[in-house]
Amino acid sequence: MVTHSTEEGRRAFAALLIEKLNVLSARRKRNDVMSQQLRAIEVSLKIFL
């Protein structure tokens, strides 16, 4: 069992935390891109209507 009180445990915890943060960051970037695309579609629709 690895605990936070050992160097190995702290490294494992840090690696897991970094992995989770990277997943959240990628999800946020995808959401930002999708929002930009939706805004572009809305603007295009307003121009044609």
C-alpha atoms as a PDB file:
ATOM      1  CA  MET A   1       0.000   0.000   0.000  1.00  0.00           C
ATOM      2  CA  VAL A   2       1.324   3.429  -0.946  1.00  0.00           C
ATOM      3  CA  THR A   3       0.664   6.361   1.368  1.00  0.00           C
ATOM      4  CA  HIS A   4       1.226  10.090   1.126  1.00  0.00           C
ATOM      5  CA  SER A   5       3.769   9.898   3.929  1.00  0.00           C
ATOM      6  CA  THR A   6       6.397   8.276   1.693  1.00  0.00           C
ATOM      7  CA  GLU A   7       8.215   9.785  -1.253  1.00  0.00           C
ATOM      8  CA  GLU A   8       6.844   7.038  -3.492  1.00  0.00           C
ATOM      9  CA  GLY A   9       3.327   7.759  -2.264  1.00  0.00           C
ATOM     10  CA  ARG A  10       3.682  11.486  -2.854  1.00  0.00           C
ATOM     11  CA  ARG A  11       4.954  10.829  -6.381  1.00  0.00           C
ATOM     12  CA  ALA A  12       2.048   8.480  -7.105  1.00  0.00           C
ATOM     13  CA  PHE A  13      -0.441  11.012  -5.731  1.00  0.00           C
ATOM     14  CA  ALA A  14       1.121  13.834  -7.775  1.00  0.00           C
ATOM     15  CA  ALA A  15       1.049  11.727 -10.953  1.00  0.00           C
ATOM     16  CA  LEU A  16      -2.619  10.855 -10.408  1.00  0.00           C
ATOM     17  CA  LEU A  17      -3.496  14.477  -9.684  1.00  0.00           C
ATOM     18  CA  ILE A  18      -1.683  15.686 -12.812  1.00  0.00           C
ATOM     19  CA  GLU A  19      -3.482  13.069 -14.913  1.00  0.00           C
ATOM     20  CA  LYS A  20      -6.886  14.155 -13.593  1.00  0.00           C
ATOM     21  CA  LEU A  21      -6.078  17.840 -14.118  1.00  0.00           C
ATOM     22  CA  ASN A  22      -4.996  17.142 -17.697  1.00  0.00           C
ATOM     23  CA  VAL A  23      -8.306  15.373 -18.356  1.00  0.00           C
ATOM     24  CA  LEU A  24     -10.236  18.333 -16.937  1.00  0.00           C
ATOM     25  CA  SER A  25      -8.140  20.780 -18.957  1.00  0.00           C
ATOM     26  CA  ALA A  26      -8.759  18.853 -22.190  1.00  0.00           C
ATOM     27  CA  ARG A  27     -12.493  18.721 -21.447  1.00  0.00           C
ATOM     28  CA  ARG A  28     -12.581  22.464 -20.848  1.00  0.00           C
ATOM     29  CA  LYS A  29     -10.707  23.160 -24.089  1.00  0.00           C
ATOM     30  CA  ARG A  30     -13.189  20.986 -26.024  1.00  0.00           C
ATOM     31  CA  ASN A  31     -16.072  22.865 -24.415  1.00  0.00           C
ATOM     32  CA  ASP A  32     -14.492  26.210 -25.327  1.00  0.00           C
ATOM     33  CA  VAL A  33     -14.035  25.118 -28.948  1.00  0.00           C
ATOM     34  CA  MET A  34     -17.610  23.856 -29.123  1.00  0.00           C
ATOM     35  CA  SER A  35     -18.898  27.147 -27.689  1.00  0.00           C
ATOM     36  CA  GLN A  36     -16.950  29.095 -30.300  1.00  0.00           C
ATOM     37  CA  GLN A  37     -18.363  26.908 -33.069  1.00  0.00           C
ATOM     38  CA  LEU A  38     -21.915  27.377 -31.779  1.00  0.00           C
ATOM     39  CA  ARG A  39     -21.436  31.159 -31.640  1.00  0.00           C
ATOM     40  CA  ALA A  40     -20.157  31.124 -35.227  1.00  0.00           C
ATOM     41  CA  ILE A  41     -23.224  29.155 -36.323  1.00  0.00           C
ATOM     42  CA  GLU A  42     -25.533  31.574 -34.510  1.00  0.00           C
ATOM     43  CA  VAL A  43     -23.859  34.548 -36.192  1.00  0.00           C
ATOM     44  CA  SER A  44     -24.136  32.847 -39.583  1.00  0.00           C
ATOM     45  CA  LEU A  45     -27.825  32.160 -39.034  1.00  0.00           C
ATOM     46  CA  LYS A  46     -28.490  35.761 -38.011  1.00  0.00           C
ATOM     47  CA  ILE A  47     -26.817  37.008 -41.189  1.00  0.00           C
ATOM     48  CA  PHE A  48     -28.984  34.779 -43.400  1.00  0.00           C
ATOM     49  CA  LEU A  49     -32.224  35.544 -41.575  1.00  0.00           C
END
